C-alpha cells in the first residue's frame, strides 16, 4: 500500500515523502508505504495509519480510501 499525504503550505500543494536510505548517496524519495497484514489490522486504513506513524512520526487526521475494498471479512454474511 502507498499513501499520498497532501497538504497546502503557503498556498502551494505539498506531498509528504520518505527517504529510502537516509544516510546513503543512492537514497530515493518515496511515498510512505507498507504491507497490509489482515491479522494485525482490521482495515486498510488501520494498517496505513500504523505504518505512516512508524515511517514519519505523524498521526494522520482525515484519511480517505479510494477505490479499494479490503476490509477483512467483507464477503461474510
Protein backbone atom coordinates (compact mmCIF):
# COMPACT_ATOMS: atom_id res chain seq x y z
CA UNK A 1 0.00 0.00 0.00
CA UNK A 2 1.15 3.56 -0.71
CA UNK A 3 -0.07 6.72 0.97
CA UNK A 4 -0.24 10.08 -0.79
CA UNK A 5 -0.29 12.59 2.06
CA UNK A 6 -1.14 16.00 0.66
CA UNK A 7 -1.26 19.39 2.36
CA UNK A 8 -1.28 23.05 1.37
CA UNK A 9 1.62 25.20 2.56
CA UNK A 10 1.75 28.91 1.65
CA UNK A 11 -0.98 28.34 -0.96
CA UNK A 12 1.03 25.56 -2.64
CA UNK A 13 0.26 21.84 -2.59
CA UNK A 14 2.94 19.65 -0.98
CA UNK A 15 3.27 15.87 -0.75
CA UNK A 16 4.99 14.07 2.12
CA UNK A 17 7.87 11.80 1.10
CA UNK A 18 10.17 9.46 2.96
CA UNK A 19 13.77 8.72 2.05
CA UNK A 20 14.54 5.06 1.26
CA UNK A 21 18.07 5.12 2.72
CA UNK A 22 18.55 8.41 4.59
CA UNK A 23 22.33 8.07 5.03
CA UNK A 24 23.08 6.70 1.55
CA UNK A 25 24.17 8.50 -1.61
CA UNK A 26 21.71 6.28 -3.50
CA UNK A 27 18.71 7.34 -1.41
CA UNK A 28 15.36 7.60 -3.19
CA UNK A 29 12.39 9.77 -2.26
CA UNK A 30 9.23 7.66 -1.92
CA UNK A 31 5.65 7.95 -0.82
CA UNK A 32 5.13 6.33 2.59
CA UNK A 33 4.35 2.66 2.01
CA UNK A 34 3.82 -0.61 3.80
CA UNK A 35 2.18 -4.00 3.73
CA UNK A 36 -1.39 -4.78 4.69
CA UNK A 37 -1.50 -7.52 7.30
CA UNK A 38 -5.13 -8.57 7.87
CA UNK A 39 -4.16 -10.48 11.03
CA UNK A 40 -2.76 -7.32 12.58
CA UNK A 41 -5.16 -4.66 11.23
CA UNK A 42 -8.90 -5.00 10.65
CA UNK A 43 -8.93 -2.44 7.79
CA UNK A 44 -6.57 -0.99 5.21
CA UNK A 45 -6.92 2.37 6.96
CA UNK A 46 -5.76 0.94 10.31
CA UNK A 47 -2.72 -0.57 8.60
CA UNK A 48 -2.00 2.66 6.74
CA UNK A 49 -2.17 4.72 9.92
CA UNK A 50 0.21 2.35 11.71
CA UNK A 51 2.99 2.35 9.14
CA UNK A 52 2.66 6.06 8.29
CA UNK A 53 3.15 6.74 12.02
CA UNK A 54 6.18 4.40 12.08
CA UNK A 55 7.81 5.97 9.00
CA UNK A 56 7.02 9.64 9.55
CA UNK A 57 6.02 10.16 13.18
CA UNK A 58 2.71 11.66 12.00
CA UNK A 59 -0.71 10.74 13.30
CA UNK A 60 -2.97 11.17 10.30
CA UNK A 61 -6.10 13.24 10.51
CA UNK A 62 -8.61 12.70 7.71
CA UNK A 63 -7.81 9.68 5.53
CA UNK A 64 -9.78 8.53 2.52
CA UNK A 65 -9.58 5.09 0.94
CA UNK A 66 -10.14 5.45 -2.79
CA UNK A 67 -11.47 2.65 -4.99
CA UNK A 68 -10.32 -0.21 -2.80
CA UNK A 69 -12.21 -2.86 -0.91
CA UNK A 70 -10.07 -4.65 1.61
CA UNK A 71 -11.80 -4.92 4.97
CA UNK A 72 -11.30 -8.35 6.48
CA UNK A 73 -14.50 -10.42 6.46
CA UNK A 74 -16.15 -8.08 3.95
CA UNK A 75 -17.58 -11.01 1.99
CA UNK A 76 -19.13 -12.71 5.06
CA UNK A 77 -22.89 -12.67 5.61
